Amino acid sequence: MAKSAHPVVSPEHAAILRTIAAIPRGRVARYGEIAARAGHPRRARLVGRVLGESDPALKLPWQRVLRSDGRIAFPPGSRGFLEQRARLLEEGVMVVKGRVDLLRFGWQRDLDAEMWAPR
């Protein structure tokens, strides 16, 4: 049986993928923040799983997703760590000792815009 060119994605996964895709260049978001914005609070681990299983052809800005304390999730010095760090630096995001200042580079929420935006 041939694989589908577009695998079936659950609505929950699709919401997470859309949220990751919406992170602005030069900004970062935490796994838990992505889950909450996607309508699935307390599902930070699911965000990690969705990222890990996502098709590279989607070209998601995965480098913009960080741990709750602003650290890169890959082990320091690993290929993933070095690539994520390089991509963030390329976008103007400062990474110091594997950590990003979330107050400076975090994806700030505009609650009024979120609450009153047309759906």
PDB file of N, CA and C in Angstrom:
ATOM      1  N   MET A   1       0.850  -1.179   0.000  1.00  0.00           N
ATOM      2  CA  MET A   1       0.000   0.000   0.000  1.00  0.00           C
ATOM      3  C   MET A   1       0.893   1.238   0.000  1.00  0.00           C
ATOM      4  N   ALA A   2       0.656   2.163  -0.903  1.00  0.00           N
ATOM      5  CA  ALA A   2       1.472   3.371  -1.036  1.00  0.00           C
ATOM      6  C   ALA A   2       1.118   4.365   0.066  1.00  0.00           C
ATOM      7  N   LYS A   3       2.143   5.095   0.531  1.00  0.00           N
ATOM      8  CA  LYS A   3       1.932   6.128   1.527  1.00  0.00           C
ATOM      9  C   LYS A   3       1.269   7.333   0.882  1.00  0.00           C
ATOM     10  N   SER A   4       0.379   7.975   1.626  1.00  0.00           N
ATOM     11  CA  SER A   4      -0.276   9.186   1.139  1.00  0.00           C
ATOM     12  C   SER A   4       0.721  10.336   1.134  1.00  0.00           C
ATOM     13  N   ALA A   5       0.622  11.192   0.143  1.00  0.00           N
ATOM     14  CA  ALA A   5       1.493  12.364   0.076  1.00  0.00           C
ATOM     15  C   ALA A   5       1.184  13.328   1.217  1.00  0.00           C
ATOM     16  N   HIS A   6      -0.051  13.304   1.699  1.00  0.00           N
ATOM     17  CA  HIS A   6      -0.466  14.162   2.800  1.00  0.00           C
ATOM     18  C   HIS A   6      -1.062  13.286   3.898  1.00  0.00           C
ATOM     19  N   PRO A   7      -0.260  12.930   4.904  1.00  0.00           N
ATOM     20  CA  PRO A   7      -0.788  12.073   5.957  1.00  0.00           C
ATOM     21  C   PRO A   7      -1.932  12.748   6.711  1.00  0.00           C
ATOM     22  N   VAL A   8      -2.822  11.939   7.208  1.00  0.00           N
ATOM     23  CA  VAL A   8      -3.959  12.445   7.970  1.00  0.00           C
ATOM     24  C   VAL A   8      -3.438  12.968   9.304  1.00  0.00           C
ATOM     25  N   VAL A   9      -3.835  14.180   9.627  1.00  0.00           N
ATOM     26  CA  VAL A   9      -3.399  14.825  10.861  1.00  0.00           C
ATOM     27  C   VAL A   9      -4.635  15.118  11.691  1.00  0.00           C
ATOM     28  N   SER A  10      -4.585  14.786  12.973  1.00  0.00           N
ATOM     29  CA  SER A  10      -5.728  15.052  13.844  1.00  0.00           C
ATOM     30  C   SER A  10      -5.913  16.558  14.003  1.00  0.00           C
ATOM     31  N   PRO A  11      -7.131  16.988  14.338  1.00  0.00           N
ATOM     32  CA  PRO A  11      -7.362  18.420  14.558  1.00  0.00           C
ATOM     33  C   PRO A  11      -6.453  18.986  15.654  1.00  0.00           C
ATOM     34  N   GLU A  12      -6.192  18.179  16.672  1.00  0.00           N
ATOM     35  CA  GLU A  12      -5.312  18.598  17.765  1.00  0.00           C
ATOM     36  C   GLU A  12      -3.895  18.860  17.241  1.00  0.00           C
ATOM     37  N   HIS A  13      -3.380  17.940  16.430  1.00  0.00           N
ATOM     38  CA  HIS A  13      -2.046  18.101  15.856  1.00  0.00           C
ATOM     39  C   HIS A  13      -2.018  19.272  14.886  1.00  0.00           C
ATOM     40  N   ALA A  14      -3.072  19.417  14.093  1.00  0.00           N
ATOM     41  CA  ALA A  14      -3.132  20.514  13.125  1.00  0.00           C
ATOM     42  C   ALA A  14      -3.085  21.869  13.831  1.00  0.00           C
ATOM     43  N   ALA A  15      -3.780  21.991  14.963  1.00  0.00           N
ATOM     44  CA  ALA A  15      -3.770  23.245  15.722  1.00  0.00           C
ATOM     45  C   ALA A  15      -2.363  23.555  16.231  1.00  0.00           C
ATOM     46  N   ILE A  16      -1.663  22.536  16.680  1.00  0.00           N
ATOM     47  CA  ILE A  16      -0.290  22.724  17.161  1.00  0.00           C
ATOM     48  C   ILE A  16       0.624  23.124  16.006  1.00  0.00           C
ATOM     49  N   LEU A  17       0.491  22.465  14.872  1.00  0.00           N
ATOM     50  CA  LEU A  17       1.307  22.804  13.703  1.00  0.00           C
ATOM     51  C   LEU A  17       1.060  24.242  13.258  1.00  0.00           C
ATOM     52  N   ARG A  18      -0.203  24.669  13.239  1.00  0.00           N
ATOM     53  CA  ARG A  18      -0.536  26.050  12.859  1.00  0.00           C
ATOM     54  C   ARG A  18       0.078  27.052  13.840  1.00  0.00           C
ATOM     55  N   THR A  19       0.045  26.709  15.111  1.00  0.00           N
ATOM     56  CA  THR A  19       0.577  27.609  16.136  1.00  0.00           C
ATOM     57  C   THR A  19       2.083  27.749  15.994  1.00  0.00           C
ATOM     58  N   ILE A  20       2.774  26.647  15.771  1.00  0.00           N
ATOM     59  CA  ILE A  20       4.225  26.698  15.580  1.00  0.00           C
ATOM     60  C   ILE A  20       4.554  27.535  14.342  1.00  0.00           C
ATOM     61  N   ALA A  21       3.807  27.324  13.279  1.00  0.00           N
ATOM     62  CA  ALA A  21       4.046  28.063  12.033  1.00  0.00           C
ATOM     63  C   ALA A  21       3.840  29.562  12.219  1.00  0.00           C
ATOM     64  N   ALA A  22       3.034  29.958  13.200  1.00  0.00           N
ATOM     65  CA  ALA A  22       2.706  31.370  13.413  1.00  0.00           C
ATOM     66  C   ALA A  22       3.716  32.113  14.288  1.00  0.00           C
ATOM     67  N   ILE A  23       4.683  31.420  14.868  1.00  0.00           N
ATOM     68  CA  ILE A  23       5.670  32.104  15.709  1.00  0.00           C
ATOM     69  C   ILE A  23       6.453  33.065  14.820  1.00  0.00           C
ATOM     70  N   PRO A  24       6.459  34.352  15.156  1.00  0.00           N
ATOM     71  CA  PRO A  24       7.141  35.320  14.300  1.00  0.00           C
ATOM     72  C   PRO A  24       8.663  35.131  14.288  1.00  0.00           C
ATOM     73  N   ARG A  25       9.266  35.481  13.170  1.00  0.00           N
ATOM     74  CA  ARG A  25      10.725  35.465  13.033  1.00  0.00           C
ATOM     75  C   ARG A  25      11.324  36.373  14.112  1.00  0.00           C
ATOM     76  N   GLY A  26      12.382  35.900  14.758  1.00  0.00           N
ATOM     77  CA  GLY A  26      13.032  36.679  15.798  1.00  0.00           C
ATOM     78  C   GLY A  26      12.387  36.552  17.158  1.00  0.00           C
ATOM     79  N   ARG A  27      11.396  35.674  17.257  1.00  0.00           N
ATOM     80  CA  ARG A  27      10.698  35.419  18.528  1.00  0.00           C
ATOM     81  C   ARG A  27      10.753  33.931  18.830  1.00  0.00           C
ATOM     82  N   VAL A  28      10.558  33.596  20.093  1.00  0.00           N
ATOM     83  CA  VAL A  28      10.540  32.199  20.509  1.00  0.00           C
ATOM     84  C   VAL A  28       9.306  31.951  21.370  1.00  0.00           C
ATOM     85  N   ALA A  29       8.949  30.674  21.504  1.00  0.00           N
ATOM     86  CA  ALA A  29       7.821  30.282  22.345  1.00  0.00           C
ATOM     87  C   ALA A  29       8.180  28.990  23.065  1.00  0.00           C
ATOM     88  N   ARG A  30       7.580  28.804  24.204  1.00  0.00           N
ATOM     89  CA  ARG A  30       7.802  27.593  24.999  1.00  0.00           C
ATOM     90  C   ARG A  30       6.814  26.513  24.574  1.00  0.00           C
ATOM     91  N   TYR A  31       7.201  25.272  24.770  1.00  0.00           N
ATOM     92  CA  TYR A  31       6.334  24.146  24.417  1.00  0.00           C
ATOM     93  C   TYR A  31       4.946  24.315  25.034  1.00  0.00           C
ATOM     94  N   GLY A  32       4.894  24.637  26.317  1.00  0.00           N
ATOM     95  CA  GLY A  32       3.616  24.794  27.006  1.00  0.00           C
ATOM     96  C   GLY A  32       2.793  25.946  26.472  1.00  0.00           C
ATOM     97  N   GLU A  33       3.469  27.017  26.090  1.00  0.00           N
ATOM     98  CA  GLU A  33       2.784  28.177  25.520  1.00  0.00           C
ATOM     99  C   GLU A  33       2.131  27.807  24.184  1.00  0.00           C
ATOM    100  N   ILE A  34       2.833  27.036  23.387  1.00  0.00           N
ATOM    101  CA  ILE A  34       2.293  26.602  22.106  1.00  0.00           C
ATOM    102  C   ILE A  34       1.053  25.740  22.328  1.00  0.00           C
ATOM    103  N   ALA A  35       1.156  24.823  23.269  1.00  0.00           N
ATOM    104  CA  ALA A  35       0.006  23.962  23.577  1.00  0.00           C
ATOM    105  C   ALA A  35      -1.205  24.801  23.991  1.00  0.00           C
ATOM    106  N   ALA A  36      -0.985  25.780  24.867  1.00  0.00           N
ATOM    107  CA  ALA A  36      -2.089  26.623  25.338  1.00  0.00           C
ATOM    108  C   ALA A  36      -2.676  27.444  24.198  1.00  0.00           C
ATOM    109  N   ARG A  37      -1.834  28.037  23.376  1.00  0.00           N
ATOM    110  CA  ARG A  37      -2.325  28.838  22.245  1.00  0.00           C
ATOM    111  C   ARG A  37      -3.095  27.975  21.246  1.00  0.00           C
ATOM    112  N   ALA A  38      -2.716  26.710  21.148  1.00  0.00           N
ATOM    113  CA  ALA A  38      -3.389  25.790  20.221  1.00  0.00           C
ATOM    114  C   ALA A  38      -4.691  25.245  20.808  1.00  0.00           C
ATOM    115  N   GLY A  39      -4.995  25.637  22.036  1.00  0.00           N
ATOM    116  CA  GLY A  39      -6.236  25.192  22.668  1.00  0.00           C
ATOM    117  C   GLY A  39      -6.100  23.905  23.452  1.00  0.00           C
ATOM    118  N   HIS A  40      -4.857  23.531  23.754  1.00  0.00           N
ATOM    119  CA  HIS A  40      -4.608  22.287  24.483  1.00  0.00           C
ATOM    120  C   HIS A  40      -3.653  22.522  25.644  1.00  0.00           C
ATOM    121  N   PRO A  41      -4.089  23.312  26.631  1.00  0.00           N
ATOM    122  CA  PRO A  41      -3.207  23.604  27.762  1.00  0.00           C
ATOM    123  C   PRO A  41      -2.754  22.328  28.461  1.00  0.00           C
ATOM    124  N   ARG A  42      -1.598  22.403  29.048  1.00  0.00           N
ATOM    125  CA  ARG A  42      -1.001  21.293  29.807  1.00  0.00           C
ATOM    126  C   ARG A  42      -0.609  20.125  28.897  1.00  0.00           C
ATOM    127  N   ARG A  43      -0.410  20.380  27.612  1.00  0.00           N
ATOM    128  CA  ARG A  43      -0.024  19.318  26.671  1.00  0.00           C
ATOM    129  C   ARG A  43       1.328  19.632  26.014  1.00  0.00           C
ATOM    130  N   ALA A  44       2.247  20.188  26.783  1.00  0.00           N
ATOM    131  CA  ALA A  44       3.567  20.570  26.257  1.00  0.00           C
ATOM    132  C   ALA A  44       4.295  19.385  25.632  1.00  0.00           C
ATOM    133  N   ARG A  45       4.185  18.229  26.242  1.00  0.00           N
ATOM    134  CA  ARG A  45       4.861  17.042  25.687  1.00  0.00           C
ATOM    135  C   ARG A  45       4.304  16.669  24.318  1.00  0.00           C
ATOM    136  N   LEU A  46       3.012  16.898  24.130  1.00  0.00           N
ATOM    137  CA  LEU A  46       2.415  16.623  22.827  1.00  0.00           C
ATOM    138  C   LEU A  46       3.041  17.525  21.763  1.00  0.00           C
ATOM    139  N   VAL A  47       3.326  18.773  22.117  1.00  0.00           N
ATOM    140  CA  VAL A  47       3.964  19.692  21.171  1.00  0.00           C
ATOM    141  C   VAL A  47       5.304  19.110  20.726  1.00  0.00           C
ATOM    142  N   GLY A  48       6.079  18.613  21.671  1.00  0.00           N
ATOM    143  CA  GLY A  48       7.361  17.992  21.333  1.00  0.00           C
ATOM    144  C   GLY A  48       7.183  16.797  20.421  1.00  0.00           C
ATOM    145  N   ARG A  49       6.182  15.983  20.695  1.00  0.00           N
ATOM    146  CA  ARG A  49       5.944  14.801  19.862  1.00  0.00           C
ATOM    147  C   ARG A  49       5.513  15.201  18.449  1.00  0.00           C
ATOM    148  N   VAL A  50       4.623  16.185  18.358  1.00  0.00           N
ATOM    149  CA  VAL A  50       4.161  16.645  17.047  1.00  0.00           C
ATOM    150  C   VAL A  50       5.335  17.193  16.245  1.00  0.00           C
ATOM    151  N   LEU A  51       6.198  17.968  16.895  1.00  0.00           N
ATOM    152  CA  LEU A  51       7.381  18.489  16.205  1.00  0.00           C
ATOM    153  C   LEU A  51       8.272  17.351  15.720  1.00  0.00           C
ATOM    154  N   GLY A  52       8.505  16.384  16.585  1.00  0.00           N
ATOM    155  CA  GLY A  52       9.367  15.252  16.237  1.00  0.00           C
ATOM    156  C   GLY A  52       8.829  14.405  15.100  1.00  0.00           C
ATOM    157  N   GLU A  53       7.511  14.341  14.973  1.00  0.00           N
ATOM    158  CA  GLU A  53       6.881  13.516  13.941  1.00  0.00           C
ATOM    159  C   GLU A  53       6.527  14.303  12.681  1.00  0.00           C
ATOM    160  N   SER A  54       6.731  15.616  12.706  1.00  0.00           N
ATOM    161  CA  SER A  54       6.293  16.439  11.574  1.00  0.00           C
ATOM    162  C   SER A  54       7.159  16.221  10.342  1.00  0.00           C
ATOM    163  N   ASP A  55       6.547  16.390   9.208  1.00  0.00           N
ATOM    164  CA  ASP A  55       7.211  16.235   7.915  1.00  0.00           C
ATOM    165  C   ASP A  55       8.133  17.433   7.688  1.00  0.00           C
ATOM    166  N   PRO A  56       9.418  17.215   7.423  1.00  0.00           N
ATOM    167  CA  PRO A  56      10.329  18.336   7.168  1.00  0.00           C
ATOM    168  C   PRO A  56       9.862  19.235   6.015  1.00  0.00           C
ATOM    169  N   ALA A  57       9.060  18.684   5.105  1.00  0.00           N
ATOM    170  CA  ALA A  57       8.558  19.474   3.980  1.00  0.00           C
ATOM    171  C   ALA A  57       7.663  20.628   4.448  1.00  0.00           C
ATOM    172  N   LEU A  58       7.134  20.538   5.676  1.00  0.00           N
ATOM    173  CA  LEU A  58       6.306  21.619   6.212  1.00  0.00           C
ATOM    174  C   LEU A  58       7.131  22.874   6.496  1.00  0.00           C
ATOM    175  N   LYS A  59       8.436  22.682   6.643  1.00  0.00           N
ATOM    176  CA  LYS A  59       9.354  23.798   6.918  1.00  0.00           C
ATOM    177  C   LYS A  59       8.904  24.625   8.125  1.00  0.00           C
ATOM    178  N   LEU A  60       8.550  23.936   9.186  1.00  0.00           N
ATOM    179  CA  LEU A  60       8.146  24.616  10.417  1.00  0.00           C
ATOM    180  C   LEU A  60       9.342  25.339  11.030  1.00  0.00           C
ATOM    181  N   PRO A  61       9.110  26.469  11.679  1.00  0.00           N
ATOM    182  CA  PRO A  61      10.200  27.163  12.359  1.00  0.00           C
ATOM    183  C   PRO A  61      10.477  26.522  13.727  1.00  0.00           C
ATOM    184  N   TRP A  62      10.859  25.248  13.703  1.00  0.00           N
ATOM    185  CA  TRP A  62      11.057  24.467  14.924  1.00  0.00           C
ATOM    186  C   TRP A  62      12.094  25.090  15.847  1.00  0.00           C
ATOM    187  N   GLN A  63      13.030  25.845  15.281  1.00  0.00           N
ATOM    188  CA  GLN A  63      14.090  26.438  16.086  1.00  0.00           C
ATOM    189  C   GLN A  63      13.545  27.455  17.085  1.00  0.00           C
ATOM    190  N   ARG A  64      12.343  27.924  16.879  1.00  0.00           N
ATOM    191  CA  ARG A  64      11.742  28.944  17.741  1.00  0.00           C
ATOM    192  C   ARG A  64      11.042  28.349  18.955  1.00  0.00           C
ATOM    193  N   VAL A  65      11.108  27.037  19.122  1.00  0.00           N
ATOM    194  CA  VAL A  65      10.427  26.361  20.231  1.00  0.00           C
ATOM    195  C   VAL A  65      11.463  25.961  21.282  1.00  0.00           C
ATOM    196  N   LEU A  66      11.222  26.408  22.522  1.00  0.00           N
ATOM    197  CA  LEU A  66      12.179  26.200  23.612  1.00  0.00           C
ATOM    198  C   LEU A  66      11.509  25.618  24.852  1.00  0.00           C
ATOM    199  N   ARG A  67      12.360  25.168  25.768  1.00  0.00           N
ATOM    200  CA  ARG A  67      11.867  24.670  27.056  1.00  0.00           C
ATOM    201  C   ARG A  67      11.267  25.820  27.862  1.00  0.00           C
ATOM    202  N   SER A  68      10.612  25.491  28.942  1.00  0.00           N
ATOM    203  CA  SER A  68       9.905  26.500  29.746  1.00  0.00           C
ATOM    204  C   SER A  68      10.830  27.564  30.330  1.00  0.00           C
ATOM    205  N   ASP A  69      12.106  27.237  30.510  1.00  0.00           N
ATOM    206  CA  ASP A  69      13.055  28.203  31.067  1.00  0.00           C
ATOM    207  C   ASP A  69      13.865  28.922  29.983  1.00  0.00           C
ATOM    208  N   GLY A  70      13.485  28.732  28.719  1.00  0.00           N
ATOM    209  CA  GLY A  70      14.168  29.400  27.623  1.00  0.00           C
ATOM    210  C   GLY A  70      15.366  28.656  27.072  1.00  0.00           C
ATOM    211  N   ARG A  71      15.600  27.445  27.576  1.00  0.00           N
ATOM    212  CA  ARG A  71      16.747  26.667  27.091  1.00  0.00           C
ATOM    213  C   ARG A  71      16.387  25.854  25.861  1.00  0.00           C
ATOM    214  N   ILE A  72      17.410  25.625  25.038  1.00  0.00           N
ATOM    215  CA  ILE A  72      17.290  24.714  23.909  1.00  0.00           C
ATOM    216  C   ILE A  72      17.163  23.309  24.493  1.00  0.00           C
ATOM    217  N   ALA A  73      16.264  22.513  23.951  1.00  0.00           N
ATOM    218  CA  ALA A  73      15.985  21.185  24.515  1.00  0.00           C
ATOM    219  C   ALA A  73      17.023  20.131  24.143  1.00  0.00           C
ATOM    220  N   PHE A  74      17.754  20.339  23.063  1.00  0.00           N
ATOM    221  CA  PHE A  74      18.776  19.363  22.666  1.00  0.00           C
ATOM    222  C   PHE A  74      19.965  19.422  23.618  1.00  0.00           C
ATOM    223  N   PRO A  75      20.678  18.319  23.782  1.00  0.00           N
ATOM    224  CA  PRO A  75      21.869  18.330  24.635  1.00  0.00           C
ATOM    225  C   PRO A  75      22.912  19.320  24.098  1.00  0.00           C
ATOM    226  N   PRO A  76      23.523  20.119  24.977  1.00  0.00           N
ATOM    227  CA  PRO A  76      24.536  21.079  24.540  1.00  0.00           C
ATOM    228  C   PRO A  76      25.625  20.403  23.698  1.00  0.00           C
ATOM    229  N   GLY A  77      25.955  21.052  22.606  1.00  0.00           N
ATOM    230  CA  GLY A  77      26.998  20.534  21.726  1.00  0.00           C
ATOM    231  C   GLY A  77      26.528  19.533  20.688  1.00  0.00           C
ATOM    232  N   SER A  78      25.295  19.038  20.812  1.00  0.00           N
ATOM    233  CA  SER A  78      24.777  18.057  19.849  1.00  0.00           C
ATOM    234  C   SER A  78      24.480  18.749  18.515  1.00  0.00           C
ATOM    235  N   ARG A  79      24.306  17.961  17.481  1.00  0.00           N
ATOM    236  CA  ARG A  79      23.997  18.498  16.153  1.00  0.00           C
ATOM    237  C   ARG A  79      22.723  19.358  16.195  1.00  0.00           C
ATOM    238  N   GLY A  80      21.673  18.841  16.858  1.00  0.00           N
ATOM    239  CA  GLY A  80      20.420  19.584  16.963  1.00  0.00           C
ATOM    240  C   GLY A  80      20.596  20.898  17.704  1.00  0.00           C
ATOM    241  N   PHE A  81      21.356  20.862  18.791  1.00  0.00           N
ATOM    242  CA  PHE A  81      21.618  22.066  19.581  1.00  0.00           C
ATOM    243  C   PHE A  81      22.311  23.115  18.726  1.00  0.00           C
ATOM    244  N   LEU A  82      23.370  22.698  18.036  1.00  0.00           N
ATOM    245  CA  LEU A  82      24.150  23.632  17.233  1.00  0.00           C
ATOM    246  C   LEU A  82      23.332  24.211  16.083  1.00  0.00           C
ATOM    247  N   GLU A  83      22.493  23.374  15.462  1.00  0.00           N
ATOM    248  CA  GLU A  83      21.655  23.866  14.368  1.00  0.00           C
ATOM    249  C   GLU A  83      20.605  24.841  14.877  1.00  0.00           C
ATOM    250  N   GLN A  84      19.964  24.503  15.993  1.00  0.00           N
ATOM    251  CA  GLN A  84      18.941  25.391  16.536  1.00  0.00           C
ATOM    252  C   GLN A  84      19.557  26.727  16.948  1.00  0.00           C
ATOM    253  N   ARG A  85      20.686  26.668  17.598  1.00  0.00           N
ATOM    254  CA  ARG A  85      21.376  27.888  18.017  1.00  0.00           C
ATOM    255  C   ARG A  85      21.719  28.752  16.803  1.00  0.00           C
ATOM    256  N   ALA A  86      22.276  28.141  15.763  1.00  0.00           N
ATOM    257  CA  ALA A  86      22.656  28.880  14.553  1.00  0.00           C
ATOM    258  C   ALA A  86      21.432  29.521  13.891  1.00  0.00           C
ATOM    259  N   ARG A  87      20.337  28.785  13.821  1.00  0.00           N
ATOM    260  CA  ARG A  87      19.119  29.326  13.193  1.00  0.00           C
ATOM    261  C   ARG A  87      18.570  30.503  13.994  1.00  0.00           C
ATOM    262  N   LEU A  88      18.592  30.380  15.324  1.00  0.00           N
ATOM    263  CA  LEU A  88      18.109  31.473  16.162  1.00  0.00           C
ATOM    264  C   LEU A  88      19.001  32.707  16.007  1.00  0.00           C
ATOM    265  N   LEU A  89      20.309  32.507  16.034  1.00  0.00           N
ATOM    266  CA  LEU A  89      21.234  33.626  15.860  1.00  0.00           C
ATOM    267  C   LEU A  89      21.019  34.313  14.513  1.00  0.00           C
ATOM    268  N   GLU A  90      20.766  33.521  13.487  1.00  0.00           N
ATOM    269  CA  GLU A  90      20.511  34.057  12.145  1.00  0.00           C
ATOM    270  C   GLU A  90      19.277  34.962  12.133  1.00  0.00           C
ATOM    271  N   GLU A  91      18.322  34.682  13.015  1.00  0.00           N
ATOM    272  CA  GLU A  91      17.103  35.484  13.113  1.00  0.00           C
ATOM    273  C   GLU A  91      17.250  36.656  14.078  1.00  0.00           C
ATOM    274  N   GLY A  92      18.442  36.810  14.663  1.00  0.00           N
ATOM    275  CA  GLY A  92      18.666  37.909  15.589  1.00  0.00           C
ATOM    276  C   GLY A  92      18.332  37.602  17.034  1.00  0.00           C
ATOM    277  N   VAL A  93      18.069  36.338  17.337  1.00  0.00           N
ATOM    278  CA  VAL A  93      17.753  35.920  18.709  1.00  0.00           C
ATOM    279  C   VAL A  93      19.062  35.572  19.406  1.00  0.00           C
ATOM    280  N   MET A  94      19.354  36.249  20.510  1.00  0.00           N
ATOM    281  CA  MET A  94      20.582  35.978  21.256  1.00  0.00           C
ATOM    282  C   MET A  94      20.428  34.693  22.063  1.00  0.00           C
ATOM    283  N   VAL A  95      21.441  33.848  21.966  1.00  0.00           N
ATOM    284  CA  VAL A  95      21.468  32.598  22.735  1.00  0.00           C
ATOM    285  C   VAL A  95      22.732  32.633  23.577  1.00  0.00           C
ATOM    286  N   VAL A  96      22.573  32.638  24.893  1.00  0.00           N
ATOM    287  CA  VAL A  96      23.706  32.686  25.806  1.00  0.00           C
ATOM    288  C   VAL A  96      23.703  31.423  26.650  1.00  0.00           C
ATOM    289  N   LYS A  97      24.755  30.632  26.499  1.00  0.00           N
ATOM    290  CA  LYS A  97      24.876  29.363  27.233  1.00  0.00           C
ATOM    291  C   LYS A  97      23.649  28.480  27.015  1.00  0.00           C
ATOM    292  N   GLY A  98      23.157  28.462  25.783  1.00  0.00           N
ATOM    293  CA  GLY A  98      22.035  27.591  25.435  1.00  0.00           C
ATOM    294  C   GLY A  98      20.680  28.097  25.854  1.00  0.00           C
ATOM    295  N   ARG A  99      20.618  29.343  26.284  1.00  0.00           N
ATOM    296  CA  ARG A  99      19.360  29.905  26.792  1.00  0.00           C
ATOM    297  C   ARG A  99      19.039  31.216  26.091  1.00  0.00           C
ATOM    298  N   VAL A 100      17.729  31.446  25.902  1.00  0.00           N
ATOM    299  CA  VAL A 100      17.227  32.675  25.295  1.00  0.00           C
ATOM    300  C   VAL A 100      16.477  33.457  26.372  1.00  0.00           C
ATOM    301  N   ASP A 101      16.667  34.760  26.403  1.00  0.00           N
ATOM    302  CA  ASP A 101      15.949  35.627  27.328  1.00  0.00           C
ATOM    303  C   ASP A 101      14.503  35.734  26.847  1.00  0.00           C
ATOM    304  N   LEU A 102      13.591  35.083  27.557  1.00  0.00           N
ATOM    305  CA  LEU A 102      12.187  35.043  27.144  1.00  0.00           C
ATOM    306  C   LEU A 102      11.506  36.407  27.255  1.00  0.00           C
ATOM    307  N   LEU A 103      11.951  37.247  28.180  1.00  0.00           N
ATOM    308  CA  LEU A 103      11.354  38.575  28.288  1.00  0.00           C
ATOM    309  C   LEU A 103      11.699  39.424  27.073  1.00  0.00           C
ATOM    310  N   ARG A 104      12.875  39.224  26.530  1.00  0.00           N
ATOM    311  CA  ARG A 104      13.318  40.007  25.380  1.00  0.00           C
ATOM    312  C   ARG A 104      12.857  39.418  24.048  1.00  0.00           C
ATOM    313  N   PHE A 105      12.906  38.085  23.925  1.00  0.00           N
ATOM    314  CA  PHE A 105      12.636  37.442  22.639  1.00  0.00           C
ATOM    315  C   PHE A 105      11.378  36.580  22.614  1.00  0.00           C
ATOM    316  N   GLY A 106      10.669  36.526  23.728  1.00  0.00           N
ATOM    317  CA  GLY A 106       9.469  35.697  23.787  1.00  0.00           C
ATOM    318  C   GLY A 106       8.353  36.228  22.908  1.00  0.00           C
ATOM    319  N   TRP A 107       7.495  35.325  22.486  1.00  0.00           N
ATOM    320  CA  TRP A 107       6.333  35.651  21.661  1.00  0.00           C
ATOM    321  C   TRP A 107       5.301  36.264  22.595  1.00  0.00           C
ATOM    322  N   GLN A 108       5.251  37.567  22.623  1.00  0.00           N
ATOM    323  CA  GLN A 108       4.377  38.262  23.552  1.00  0.00           C
ATOM    324  C   GLN A 108       2.922  38.093  23.139  1.00  0.00           C
ATOM    325  N   ARG A 109       2.098  37.920  24.123  1.00  0.00           N
ATOM    326  CA  ARG A 109       0.674  37.742  23.853  1.00  0.00           C
ATOM    327  C   ARG A 109      -0.047  39.082  23.924  1.00  0.00           C
ATOM    328  N   ASP A 110      -0.884  39.341  22.956  1.00  0.00           N
ATOM    329  CA  ASP A 110      -1.775  40.487  22.966  1.00  0.00           C
ATOM    330  C   ASP A 110      -3.160  39.907  23.242  1.00  0.00           C
ATOM    331  N   LEU A 111      -3.507  39.862  24.523  1.00  0.00           N
ATOM    332  CA  LEU A 111      -4.748  39.195  24.916  1.00  0.00           C
ATOM    333  C   LEU A 111      -5.986  39.865  24.315  1.00  0.00           C
ATOM    334  N   ASP A 112      -5.977  41.190  24.202  1.00  0.00           N
ATOM    335  CA  ASP A 112      -7.121  41.859  23.582  1.00  0.00           C
ATOM    336  C   ASP A 112      -7.295  41.409  22.142  1.00  0.00           C
ATOM    337  N   ALA A 113      -6.194  41.373  21.393  1.00  0.00           N
ATOM    338  CA  ALA A 113      -6.266  40.949  19.983  1.00  0.00           C
ATOM    339  C   ALA A 113      -6.739  39.504  19.882  1.00  0.00           C
ATOM    340  N   GLU A 114      -6.232  38.650  20.776  1.00  0.00           N
ATOM    341  CA  GLU A 114      -6.637  37.238  20.748  1.00  0.00           C
ATOM    342  C   GLU A 114      -8.118  37.075  21.095  1.00  0.00           C
ATOM    343  N   MET A 115      -8.564  37.851  22.066  1.00  0.00           N
ATOM    344  CA  MET A 115      -9.932  37.711  22.538  1.00  0.00           C
ATOM    345  C   MET A 115     -10.944  38.240  21.517  1.00  0.00           C
ATOM    346  N   TRP A 116     -10.606  39.339  20.853  1.00  0.00           N
ATOM    347  CA  TRP A 116     -11.559  40.008  19.989  1.00  0.00           C
ATOM    348  C   TRP A 116     -11.314  39.785  18.504  1.00  0.00           C
ATOM    349  N   ALA A 117     -10.332  38.984  18.173  1.00  0.00           N
ATOM    350  CA  ALA A 117     -10.027  38.718  16.755  1.00  0.00           C
ATOM    351  C   ALA A 117     -11.184  37.950  16.117  1.00  0.00           C
ATOM    352  N   PRO A 118     -11.488  38.282  14.858  1.00  0.00           N
ATOM    353  CA  PRO A 118     -12.533  37.521  14.152  1.00  0.00           C
ATOM    354  C   PRO A 118     -12.130  36.065  14.006  1.00  0.00           C
ATOM    355  N   ARG A 119     -13.065  35.172  14.115  1.00  0.00           N
ATOM    356  CA  ARG A 119     -12.789  33.731  14.012  1.00  0.00           C
ATOM    357  C   ARG A 119     -13.377  33.184  12.750  1.00  0.00           C
TER     358      ARG A 119
END
